[in-house]
Amino acid sequence: MKQFFEFVPIVVFVITYFFTDIYYATGALMIAVTLQVGGLRLAGRKIGHQLMVTFWLSMVFGGLTLLYQDKTFIQWKPTILNWALACALFGSHFIGDRNLVQRMLDAQLKLPARIWAHLNFGWVGGFALAGILNLYVAYNFSEAFWVSYKLIGGFGLTLMYVLATVAYLAATGNLDEPAPADGTEEGDNA
């Protein structure tokens, strides 16, 4: 549910774009992410770092887009966000005792440090690639295609990274159920 909530401003951006233009869509994005942050604050819920980064990037790059009437700023926003996430993940490997991926998933998974490092660097590469792909689409395809890609491509890439993470964990045997401590198999009645 949280992931859907995070995509709401993008959905608002895309729908507004197809009924108006890039500038109204940019304004709608700014309003939607402001309402998202404001709603969480009013509800007394924690506002995550990623949402705050998204909020400020939307305000800065959206504001520049509207001020200069230049879509280049809003087209760069997803790239800057993805690269900021890649840098945060990369830096987290060298700061503290656990990287960001481990901090997010440690309660659900118990993995060796080497596997956490592989996952972290895999997501670094994924976010870096997402930033590059956004620019490639923005500069080589129509504006309408880029807007559609922003919604479908962003969701698709995230889903692909999750599936790749699960496949990696399965291939390395890290999704297997741990053996019981007493050495018996489940279902043994002996």
N, C-alpha and C. Protein backbone atom coordinates (compact mmCIF):
# COMPACT_ATOMS: atom_id res chain seq x y z
N MET A 1 0.83 -1.19 0.00
CA MET A 1 0.00 0.00 0.00
C MET A 1 0.87 1.26 0.00
N LYS A 2 1.96 1.22 0.74
CA LYS A 2 2.85 2.38 0.83
C LYS A 2 3.42 2.72 -0.54
N GLN A 3 3.81 1.68 -1.33
CA GLN A 3 4.38 1.92 -2.64
C GLN A 3 3.35 2.59 -3.56
N PHE A 4 2.07 2.15 -3.48
CA PHE A 4 1.03 2.78 -4.27
C PHE A 4 0.89 4.24 -3.88
N PHE A 5 0.89 4.52 -2.59
CA PHE A 5 0.77 5.89 -2.08
C PHE A 5 1.88 6.77 -2.63
N GLU A 6 3.08 6.21 -2.75
CA GLU A 6 4.22 6.98 -3.26
C GLU A 6 4.09 7.29 -4.74
N PHE A 7 3.32 6.48 -5.49
CA PHE A 7 3.14 6.70 -6.92
C PHE A 7 2.00 7.68 -7.24
N VAL A 8 1.21 8.07 -6.25
CA VAL A 8 0.06 8.94 -6.50
C VAL A 8 0.46 10.25 -7.19
N PRO A 9 1.50 10.98 -6.73
CA PRO A 9 1.86 12.21 -7.43
C PRO A 9 2.25 11.97 -8.90
N ILE A 10 2.88 10.85 -9.18
CA ILE A 10 3.24 10.55 -10.57
C ILE A 10 1.99 10.30 -11.39
N VAL A 11 1.03 9.58 -10.82
CA VAL A 11 -0.23 9.32 -11.52
C VAL A 11 -0.95 10.64 -11.77
N VAL A 12 -0.98 11.52 -10.80
CA VAL A 12 -1.60 12.84 -10.97
C VAL A 12 -0.89 13.61 -12.08
N PHE A 13 0.43 13.57 -12.10
CA PHE A 13 1.22 14.23 -13.15
C PHE A 13 0.83 13.71 -14.53
N VAL A 14 0.79 12.40 -14.68
CA VAL A 14 0.50 11.79 -15.99
C VAL A 14 -0.92 12.12 -16.45
N ILE A 15 -1.89 11.95 -15.57
CA ILE A 15 -3.28 12.23 -15.94
C ILE A 15 -3.45 13.70 -16.32
N THR A 16 -2.90 14.58 -15.52
CA THR A 16 -3.00 16.01 -15.81
C THR A 16 -2.33 16.33 -17.14
N TYR A 17 -1.19 15.74 -17.39
CA TYR A 17 -0.48 15.98 -18.65
C TYR A 17 -1.35 15.65 -19.86
N PHE A 18 -1.99 14.50 -19.83
CA PHE A 18 -2.77 14.08 -21.00
C PHE A 18 -4.05 14.88 -21.20
N PHE A 19 -4.46 15.66 -20.18
CA PHE A 19 -5.61 16.55 -20.35
C PHE A 19 -5.20 18.01 -20.58
N THR A 20 -3.93 18.34 -20.28
CA THR A 20 -3.49 19.74 -20.43
C THR A 20 -2.12 19.76 -21.11
N ASP A 21 -1.10 20.13 -20.35
CA ASP A 21 0.26 20.16 -20.89
C ASP A 21 1.27 19.92 -19.77
N ILE A 22 2.54 19.96 -20.13
CA ILE A 22 3.62 19.64 -19.18
C ILE A 22 3.67 20.63 -18.01
N TYR A 23 3.28 21.87 -18.24
CA TYR A 23 3.38 22.88 -17.19
C TYR A 23 2.26 22.74 -16.16
N TYR A 24 1.04 22.51 -16.61
CA TYR A 24 -0.04 22.22 -15.66
C TYR A 24 0.25 20.91 -14.92
N ALA A 25 0.77 19.93 -15.63
CA ALA A 25 1.11 18.65 -15.00
C ALA A 25 2.17 18.83 -13.93
N THR A 26 3.14 19.70 -14.21
CA THR A 26 4.19 19.98 -13.23
C THR A 26 3.60 20.63 -11.99
N GLY A 27 2.70 21.60 -12.18
CA GLY A 27 2.03 22.23 -11.05
C GLY A 27 1.21 21.22 -10.26
N ALA A 28 0.52 20.32 -10.97
CA ALA A 28 -0.28 19.29 -10.31
C ALA A 28 0.62 18.34 -9.50
N LEU A 29 1.79 18.01 -10.04
CA LEU A 29 2.75 17.17 -9.32
C LEU A 29 3.18 17.85 -8.03
N MET A 30 3.48 19.13 -8.13
CA MET A 30 3.92 19.88 -6.95
C MET A 30 2.83 19.92 -5.88
N ILE A 31 1.59 20.13 -6.32
CA ILE A 31 0.47 20.15 -5.37
C ILE A 31 0.27 18.76 -4.76
N ALA A 32 0.31 17.72 -5.59
CA ALA A 32 0.08 16.35 -5.10
C ALA A 32 1.12 15.93 -4.08
N VAL A 33 2.39 16.21 -4.34
CA VAL A 33 3.43 15.79 -3.39
C VAL A 33 3.36 16.64 -2.12
N THR A 34 2.93 17.89 -2.25
CA THR A 34 2.74 18.74 -1.06
C THR A 34 1.60 18.20 -0.20
N LEU A 35 0.50 17.81 -0.85
CA LEU A 35 -0.63 17.22 -0.12
C LEU A 35 -0.23 15.89 0.52
N GLN A 36 0.59 15.14 -0.17
CA GLN A 36 1.06 13.85 0.35
C GLN A 36 1.86 14.06 1.64
N VAL A 37 2.81 14.97 1.60
CA VAL A 37 3.63 15.25 2.78
C VAL A 37 2.78 15.89 3.88
N GLY A 38 1.92 16.84 3.51
CA GLY A 38 1.05 17.49 4.49
C GLY A 38 0.09 16.51 5.15
N GLY A 39 -0.47 15.60 4.35
CA GLY A 39 -1.38 14.59 4.89
C GLY A 39 -0.70 13.68 5.90
N LEU A 40 0.52 13.26 5.57
CA LEU A 40 1.27 12.42 6.51
C LEU A 40 1.57 13.17 7.80
N ARG A 41 1.94 14.43 7.65
CA ARG A 41 2.27 15.24 8.82
C ARG A 41 1.03 15.44 9.71
N LEU A 42 -0.10 15.75 9.09
CA LEU A 42 -1.35 15.93 9.86
C LEU A 42 -1.78 14.64 10.55
N ALA A 43 -1.51 13.51 9.90
CA ALA A 43 -1.87 12.21 10.49
C ALA A 43 -0.88 11.78 11.56
N GLY A 44 0.18 12.56 11.73
CA GLY A 44 1.18 12.23 12.74
C GLY A 44 2.08 11.07 12.35
N ARG A 45 2.12 10.76 11.06
CA ARG A 45 2.95 9.64 10.58
C ARG A 45 4.32 10.14 10.18
N LYS A 46 5.27 9.23 10.23
CA LYS A 46 6.64 9.55 9.87
C LYS A 46 6.76 9.79 8.36
N ILE A 47 7.48 10.82 7.99
CA ILE A 47 7.74 11.12 6.59
C ILE A 47 9.14 10.61 6.28
N GLY A 48 9.22 9.65 5.38
CA GLY A 48 10.50 9.02 5.05
C GLY A 48 11.44 9.95 4.32
N HIS A 49 12.71 9.60 4.38
CA HIS A 49 13.74 10.41 3.71
C HIS A 49 13.51 10.48 2.21
N GLN A 50 13.13 9.34 1.60
CA GLN A 50 12.92 9.33 0.16
C GLN A 50 11.79 10.28 -0.23
N LEU A 51 10.72 10.29 0.53
CA LEU A 51 9.60 11.19 0.23
C LEU A 51 10.02 12.64 0.39
N MET A 52 10.82 12.93 1.40
CA MET A 52 11.27 14.32 1.58
C MET A 52 12.19 14.75 0.43
N VAL A 53 13.05 13.84 -0.02
CA VAL A 53 13.90 14.16 -1.16
C VAL A 53 13.03 14.39 -2.40
N THR A 54 12.03 13.51 -2.60
CA THR A 54 11.11 13.67 -3.72
C THR A 54 10.38 15.00 -3.63
N PHE A 55 9.91 15.35 -2.44
CA PHE A 55 9.21 16.62 -2.24
C PHE A 55 10.09 17.80 -2.66
N TRP A 56 11.31 17.85 -2.12
CA TRP A 56 12.17 19.00 -2.40
C TRP A 56 12.62 19.05 -3.86
N LEU A 57 12.89 17.89 -4.44
CA LEU A 57 13.24 17.89 -5.86
C LEU A 57 12.06 18.33 -6.72
N SER A 58 10.86 17.92 -6.35
CA SER A 58 9.67 18.34 -7.08
C SER A 58 9.47 19.85 -6.97
N MET A 59 9.69 20.39 -5.78
CA MET A 59 9.52 21.83 -5.58
C MET A 59 10.58 22.62 -6.37
N VAL A 60 11.83 22.19 -6.27
CA VAL A 60 12.91 22.93 -6.94
C VAL A 60 12.81 22.78 -8.46
N PHE A 61 12.79 21.54 -8.96
CA PHE A 61 12.78 21.34 -10.40
C PHE A 61 11.43 21.72 -11.02
N GLY A 62 10.34 21.49 -10.28
CA GLY A 62 9.03 21.93 -10.76
C GLY A 62 8.96 23.45 -10.81
N GLY A 63 9.46 24.08 -9.76
CA GLY A 63 9.48 25.54 -9.73
C GLY A 63 10.29 26.13 -10.87
N LEU A 64 11.46 25.56 -11.14
CA LEU A 64 12.29 26.03 -12.25
C LEU A 64 11.59 25.80 -13.60
N THR A 65 10.90 24.66 -13.72
CA THR A 65 10.16 24.37 -14.95
C THR A 65 9.10 25.44 -15.20
N LEU A 66 8.36 25.78 -14.16
CA LEU A 66 7.30 26.77 -14.30
C LEU A 66 7.86 28.18 -14.48
N LEU A 67 8.88 28.51 -13.74
CA LEU A 67 9.48 29.84 -13.82
C LEU A 67 10.05 30.13 -15.20
N TYR A 68 10.81 29.17 -15.74
CA TYR A 68 11.48 29.38 -17.03
C TYR A 68 10.70 28.79 -18.21
N GLN A 69 9.55 28.15 -17.92
CA GLN A 69 8.75 27.50 -18.97
C GLN A 69 9.64 26.59 -19.82
N ASP A 70 10.42 25.76 -19.12
CA ASP A 70 11.37 24.85 -19.76
C ASP A 70 11.20 23.46 -19.14
N LYS A 71 10.72 22.52 -19.93
CA LYS A 71 10.44 21.17 -19.44
C LYS A 71 11.70 20.39 -19.06
N THR A 72 12.85 20.87 -19.46
CA THR A 72 14.11 20.17 -19.17
C THR A 72 14.28 19.94 -17.68
N PHE A 73 13.90 20.91 -16.88
CA PHE A 73 14.08 20.79 -15.42
C PHE A 73 13.27 19.62 -14.86
N ILE A 74 12.00 19.53 -15.23
CA ILE A 74 11.17 18.45 -14.68
C ILE A 74 11.59 17.11 -15.26
N GLN A 75 12.13 17.11 -16.48
CA GLN A 75 12.60 15.85 -17.06
C GLN A 75 13.87 15.34 -16.36
N TRP A 76 14.64 16.23 -15.79
CA TRP A 76 15.84 15.82 -15.06
C TRP A 76 15.54 15.35 -13.64
N LYS A 77 14.37 15.74 -13.08
CA LYS A 77 14.05 15.40 -11.69
C LYS A 77 14.14 13.91 -11.38
N PRO A 78 13.55 13.01 -12.21
CA PRO A 78 13.66 11.58 -11.88
C PRO A 78 15.12 11.09 -11.90
N THR A 79 15.91 11.63 -12.79
CA THR A 79 17.32 11.23 -12.86
C THR A 79 18.05 11.67 -11.60
N ILE A 80 17.85 12.91 -11.20
CA ILE A 80 18.51 13.41 -9.98
C ILE A 80 18.07 12.58 -8.77
N LEU A 81 16.76 12.27 -8.69
CA LEU A 81 16.27 11.45 -7.57
C LEU A 81 16.92 10.07 -7.58
N ASN A 82 16.93 9.41 -8.73
CA ASN A 82 17.54 8.08 -8.81
C ASN A 82 19.02 8.11 -8.49
N TRP A 83 19.72 9.10 -8.98
CA TRP A 83 21.15 9.19 -8.70
C TRP A 83 21.41 9.54 -7.24
N ALA A 84 20.53 10.34 -6.63
CA ALA A 84 20.68 10.64 -5.19
C ALA A 84 20.48 9.37 -4.37
N LEU A 85 19.49 8.55 -4.75
CA LEU A 85 19.27 7.28 -4.05
C LEU A 85 20.47 6.35 -4.24
N ALA A 86 21.01 6.31 -5.46
CA ALA A 86 22.19 5.47 -5.71
C ALA A 86 23.37 5.93 -4.85
N CYS A 87 23.57 7.23 -4.76
CA CYS A 87 24.67 7.77 -3.94
C CYS A 87 24.46 7.46 -2.46
N ALA A 88 23.20 7.59 -1.99
CA ALA A 88 22.91 7.28 -0.59
C ALA A 88 23.18 5.82 -0.29
N LEU A 89 22.75 4.93 -1.17
CA LEU A 89 23.01 3.50 -0.97
C LEU A 89 24.51 3.21 -1.01
N PHE A 90 25.20 3.80 -1.96
CA PHE A 90 26.64 3.59 -2.08
C PHE A 90 27.36 4.07 -0.82
N GLY A 91 27.03 5.28 -0.38
CA GLY A 91 27.67 5.83 0.81
C GLY A 91 27.37 5.03 2.06
N SER A 92 26.16 4.44 2.11
CA SER A 92 25.77 3.68 3.31
C SER A 92 26.62 2.43 3.49
N HIS A 93 27.26 1.98 2.43
CA HIS A 93 28.14 0.81 2.55
C HIS A 93 29.36 1.13 3.41
N PHE A 94 29.76 2.40 3.41
CA PHE A 94 30.98 2.81 4.10
C PHE A 94 30.72 3.52 5.42
N ILE A 95 29.44 3.78 5.71
CA ILE A 95 29.09 4.51 6.93
C ILE A 95 28.22 3.61 7.80
N GLY A 96 28.60 3.43 9.04
CA GLY A 96 27.81 2.61 9.95
C GLY A 96 28.10 1.13 9.78
N ASP A 97 27.38 0.34 10.55
CA ASP A 97 27.62 -1.10 10.54
C ASP A 97 26.69 -1.84 9.58
N ARG A 98 25.65 -1.18 9.07
CA ARG A 98 24.72 -1.81 8.12
C ARG A 98 24.42 -0.84 6.99
N ASN A 99 24.36 -1.36 5.75
CA ASN A 99 24.00 -0.50 4.63
C ASN A 99 22.50 -0.25 4.64
N LEU A 100 22.03 0.64 3.77
CA LEU A 100 20.61 1.02 3.78
C LEU A 100 19.68 -0.13 3.43
N VAL A 101 20.06 -0.98 2.49
CA VAL A 101 19.22 -2.12 2.15
C VAL A 101 19.05 -3.02 3.37
N GLN A 102 20.13 -3.26 4.08
CA GLN A 102 20.05 -4.09 5.28
C GLN A 102 19.18 -3.42 6.34
N ARG A 103 19.31 -2.11 6.51
CA ARG A 103 18.49 -1.41 7.50
C ARG A 103 17.01 -1.53 7.18
N MET A 104 16.67 -1.52 5.88
CA MET A 104 15.27 -1.60 5.48
C MET A 104 14.71 -3.01 5.59
N LEU A 105 15.54 -4.02 5.36
CA LEU A 105 15.04 -5.40 5.26
C LEU A 105 15.52 -6.33 6.36
N ASP A 106 16.32 -5.84 7.27
CA ASP A 106 16.92 -6.68 8.30
C ASP A 106 15.88 -7.41 9.15
N ALA A 107 14.73 -6.78 9.38
CA ALA A 107 13.71 -7.42 10.21
C ALA A 107 13.07 -8.62 9.49
N GLN A 108 13.06 -8.59 8.14
CA GLN A 108 12.45 -9.67 7.37
C GLN A 108 13.43 -10.76 6.96
N LEU A 109 14.69 -10.39 6.79
CA LEU A 109 15.70 -11.33 6.28
C LEU A 109 16.94 -11.34 7.16
N LYS A 110 17.46 -12.51 7.37
CA LYS A 110 18.74 -12.66 8.07
C LYS A 110 19.74 -13.16 7.04
N LEU A 111 20.67 -12.30 6.64
CA LEU A 111 21.61 -12.63 5.58
C LEU A 111 23.03 -12.34 6.02
N PRO A 112 24.00 -13.03 5.42
CA PRO A 112 25.41 -12.71 5.70
C PRO A 112 25.76 -11.31 5.17
N ALA A 113 26.77 -10.71 5.76
CA ALA A 113 27.18 -9.35 5.37
C ALA A 113 27.52 -9.27 3.88
N ARG A 114 28.12 -10.32 3.34
CA ARG A 114 28.50 -10.33 1.92
C ARG A 114 27.27 -10.20 1.02
N ILE A 115 26.19 -10.89 1.39
CA ILE A 115 24.95 -10.85 0.60
C ILE A 115 24.31 -9.47 0.71
N TRP A 116 24.31 -8.88 1.91
CA TRP A 116 23.78 -7.53 2.07
C TRP A 116 24.55 -6.56 1.18
N ALA A 117 25.86 -6.71 1.13
CA ALA A 117 26.67 -5.82 0.29
C ALA A 117 26.32 -6.00 -1.19
N HIS A 118 26.14 -7.25 -1.63
CA HIS A 118 25.76 -7.50 -3.02
C HIS A 118 24.41 -6.87 -3.35
N LEU A 119 23.44 -7.03 -2.45
CA LEU A 119 22.13 -6.43 -2.68
C LEU A 119 22.22 -4.91 -2.74
N ASN A 120 22.95 -4.33 -1.82
CA ASN A 120 23.10 -2.88 -1.77
C ASN A 120 23.70 -2.36 -3.08
N PHE A 121 24.81 -2.99 -3.52
CA PHE A 121 25.45 -2.52 -4.75
C PHE A 121 24.60 -2.82 -5.98
N GLY A 122 23.81 -3.88 -5.92
CA GLY A 122 22.87 -4.15 -7.01
C GLY A 122 21.85 -3.04 -7.15
N TRP A 123 21.32 -2.58 -6.02
CA TRP A 123 20.36 -1.48 -6.07
C TRP A 123 21.03 -0.16 -6.44
N VAL A 124 22.29 0.02 -6.06
CA VAL A 124 23.04 1.21 -6.51
C VAL A 124 23.05 1.23 -8.04
N GLY A 125 23.43 0.09 -8.63
CA GLY A 125 23.46 -0.02 -10.09
C GLY A 125 22.09 0.18 -10.71
N GLY A 126 21.06 -0.35 -10.06
CA GLY A 126 19.71 -0.20 -10.57
C GLY A 126 19.25 1.25 -10.60
N PHE A 127 19.50 1.98 -9.52
CA PHE A 127 19.10 3.39 -9.49
C PHE A 127 19.94 4.22 -10.46
N ALA A 128 21.21 3.90 -10.58
CA ALA A 128 22.06 4.62 -11.55
C ALA A 128 21.54 4.39 -12.97
N LEU A 129 21.21 3.14 -13.28
CA LEU A 129 20.68 2.81 -14.60
C LEU A 129 19.34 3.50 -14.85
N ALA A 130 18.47 3.55 -13.83
CA ALA A 130 17.17 4.22 -13.98
C ALA A 130 17.36 5.69 -14.33
N GLY A 131 18.35 6.33 -13.72
CA GLY A 131 18.62 7.73 -14.03
C GLY A 131 19.07 7.92 -15.47
N ILE A 132 19.93 7.02 -15.92
CA ILE A 132 20.41 7.08 -17.30
C ILE A 132 19.27 6.83 -18.28
N LEU A 133 18.45 5.82 -18.01
CA LEU A 133 17.31 5.51 -18.89
C LEU A 133 16.34 6.68 -18.98
N ASN A 134 16.09 7.36 -17.86
CA ASN A 134 15.19 8.51 -17.89
C ASN A 134 15.72 9.57 -18.86
N LEU A 135 16.99 9.87 -18.79
CA LEU A 135 17.56 10.87 -19.70
C LEU A 135 17.53 10.40 -21.15
N TYR A 136 17.80 9.13 -21.35
CA TYR A 136 17.77 8.59 -22.70
C TYR A 136 16.38 8.75 -23.31
N VAL A 137 15.35 8.40 -22.54
CA VAL A 137 13.98 8.52 -23.04
C VAL A 137 13.62 10.00 -23.22
N ALA A 138 13.99 10.84 -22.27
CA ALA A 138 13.64 12.27 -22.35
C ALA A 138 14.24 12.93 -23.59
N TYR A 139 15.44 12.55 -23.96
CA TYR A 139 16.13 13.22 -25.07
C TYR A 139 15.97 12.51 -26.42
N ASN A 140 15.43 11.30 -26.43
CA ASN A 140 15.34 10.56 -27.69
C ASN A 140 13.92 10.19 -28.11
N PHE A 141 12.94 10.53 -27.29
CA PHE A 141 11.55 10.21 -27.60
C PHE A 141 10.70 11.45 -27.39
N SER A 142 9.45 11.36 -27.78
CA SER A 142 8.54 12.49 -27.63
C SER A 142 8.26 12.77 -26.16
N GLU A 143 7.78 13.98 -25.91
CA GLU A 143 7.40 14.37 -24.55
C GLU A 143 6.32 13.44 -24.00
N ALA A 144 5.32 13.12 -24.81
CA ALA A 144 4.23 12.23 -24.38
C ALA A 144 4.76 10.84 -24.03
N PHE A 145 5.70 10.35 -24.81
CA PHE A 145 6.29 9.04 -24.52
C PHE A 145 7.05 9.10 -23.20
N TRP A 146 7.81 10.17 -22.98
CA TRP A 146 8.55 10.32 -21.72
C TRP A 146 7.60 10.33 -20.53
N VAL A 147 6.48 11.06 -20.65
CA VAL A 147 5.52 11.13 -19.55
C VAL A 147 4.96 9.74 -19.24
N SER A 148 4.63 8.99 -20.28
CA SER A 148 4.13 7.62 -20.08
C SER A 148 5.22 6.74 -19.47
N TYR A 149 6.44 6.90 -19.95
CA TYR A 149 7.56 6.13 -19.42
C TYR A 149 7.77 6.44 -17.94
N LYS A 150 7.59 7.69 -17.56
CA LYS A 150 7.79 8.11 -16.16
C LYS A 150 6.91 7.27 -15.24
N LEU A 151 5.68 6.98 -15.66
CA LEU A 151 4.78 6.18 -14.83
C LEU A 151 5.06 4.69 -14.99
N ILE A 152 4.99 4.21 -16.20
CA ILE A 152 5.11 2.77 -16.45
C ILE A 152 6.55 2.29 -16.27
N GLY A 153 7.50 3.05 -16.79
CA GLY A 153 8.91 2.66 -16.69
C GLY A 153 9.41 2.65 -15.26
N GLY A 154 9.02 3.67 -14.49
CA GLY A 154 9.45 3.73 -13.09
C GLY A 154 8.92 2.56 -12.29
N PHE A 155 7.64 2.27 -12.46
CA PHE A 155 7.04 1.13 -11.77
C PHE A 155 7.65 -0.18 -12.26
N GLY A 156 7.82 -0.30 -13.58
CA GLY A 156 8.38 -1.52 -14.18
C GLY A 156 9.79 -1.79 -13.73
N LEU A 157 10.62 -0.74 -13.67
CA LEU A 157 12.00 -0.92 -13.22
C LEU A 157 12.05 -1.35 -11.75
N THR A 158 11.21 -0.73 -10.93
CA THR A 158 11.18 -1.11 -9.52
C THR A 158 10.77 -2.57 -9.36
N LEU A 159 9.75 -2.98 -10.09
CA LEU A 159 9.32 -4.37 -10.05
C LEU A 159 10.43 -5.31 -10.53
N MET A 160 11.12 -4.90 -11.58
CA MET A 160 12.23 -5.71 -12.10
C MET A 160 13.34 -5.85 -11.06
N TYR A 161 13.66 -4.78 -10.34
CA TYR A 161 14.70 -4.84 -9.30
C TYR A 161 14.28 -5.77 -8.17
N VAL A 162 13.02 -5.69 -7.79
CA VAL A 162 12.52 -6.57 -6.71
C VAL A 162 12.62 -8.03 -7.15
N LEU A 163 12.17 -8.32 -8.37
CA LEU A 163 12.24 -9.69 -8.88
C LEU A 163 13.70 -10.17 -8.99
N ALA A 164 14.59 -9.29 -9.44
CA ALA A 164 16.00 -9.65 -9.54
C ALA A 164 16.58 -9.92 -8.15
N THR A 165 16.16 -9.14 -7.16
CA THR A 165 16.62 -9.34 -5.79
C THR A 165 16.16 -10.71 -5.27
N VAL A 166 14.90 -11.02 -5.49
CA VAL A 166 14.36 -12.31 -5.05
C VAL A 166 15.06 -13.46 -5.78
N ALA A 167 15.27 -13.30 -7.08
CA ALA A 167 15.96 -14.35 -7.86
C ALA A 167 17.38 -14.55 -7.34
N TYR A 168 18.08 -13.46 -7.04
CA TYR A 168 19.45 -13.56 -6.51
C TYR A 168 19.44 -14.28 -5.16
N LEU A 169 18.53 -13.89 -4.29
CA LEU A 169 18.46 -14.53 -2.97
C LEU A 169 18.12 -16.01 -3.09
N ALA A 170 17.24 -16.35 -4.01
CA ALA A 170 16.89 -17.76 -4.23
C ALA A 170 18.08 -18.52 -4.80
N ALA A 171 18.78 -17.93 -5.77
CA ALA A 171 19.92 -18.60 -6.40
C ALA A 171 21.07 -18.83 -5.42
N THR A 172 21.20 -17.94 -4.45
CA THR A 172 22.28 -18.09 -3.47
C THR A 172 21.83 -18.89 -2.24
N GLY A 173 20.60 -19.39 -2.27
CA GLY A 173 20.10 -20.21 -1.17
C GLY A 173 19.71 -19.42 0.06
N ASN A 174 19.51 -18.13 -0.09
CA ASN A 174 19.19 -17.30 1.07
C ASN A 174 17.70 -17.11 1.30
N LEU A 175 16.88 -17.79 0.52
CA LEU A 175 15.44 -17.76 0.77
C LEU A 175 14.95 -19.09 1.33
N ASP A 176 15.86 -20.05 1.45
CA ASP A 176 15.50 -21.35 1.99
C ASP A 176 15.14 -21.22 3.46
N GLU A 177 14.22 -22.07 3.91
CA GLU A 177 13.87 -22.10 5.32
C GLU A 177 15.05 -22.64 6.11
N PRO A 178 15.41 -22.02 7.22
CA PRO A 178 16.50 -22.56 8.03
C PRO A 178 16.12 -23.91 8.64
N ALA A 179 17.09 -24.76 8.79
CA ALA A 179 16.86 -26.08 9.39
C ALA A 179 16.55 -25.89 10.87
N PRO A 180 15.68 -26.74 11.43
CA PRO A 180 15.38 -26.66 12.86
C PRO A 180 16.66 -26.86 13.68
N ALA A 181 16.72 -26.23 14.84
CA ALA A 181 17.91 -26.27 15.68
C ALA A 181 18.22 -27.66 16.20
N ASP A 182 17.19 -28.51 16.35
CA ASP A 182 17.44 -29.84 16.91
C ASP A 182 17.83 -30.87 15.85
N GLY A 183 17.89 -30.44 14.59
CA GLY A 183 18.34 -31.35 13.53
C GLY A 183 17.26 -32.20 12.92
N THR A 184 16.02 -32.13 13.43
CA THR A 184 14.93 -32.93 12.83
C THR A 184 14.32 -32.18 11.66
N GLU A 185 13.77 -32.93 10.76
CA GLU A 185 13.07 -32.34 9.62
C GLU A 185 11.66 -31.97 10.07
N GLU A 186 11.09 -30.95 9.42
CA GLU A 186 9.69 -30.62 9.71
C GLU A 186 8.83 -31.80 9.34
N GLY A 187 7.88 -32.10 10.15
CA GLY A 187 6.98 -33.21 9.86
C GLY A 187 7.47 -34.53 10.42
N ASP A 188 8.73 -34.62 10.93
CA ASP A 188 9.23 -35.85 11.55
C ASP A 188 8.48 -36.06 12.86
N ASN A 189 7.92 -37.23 13.00
CA ASN A 189 7.21 -37.56 14.23
C ASN A 189 7.95 -38.59 15.05
N ALA A 190 9.16 -38.89 14.68
CA ALA A 190 9.90 -39.96 15.34
C ALA A 190 10.42 -39.58 16.68
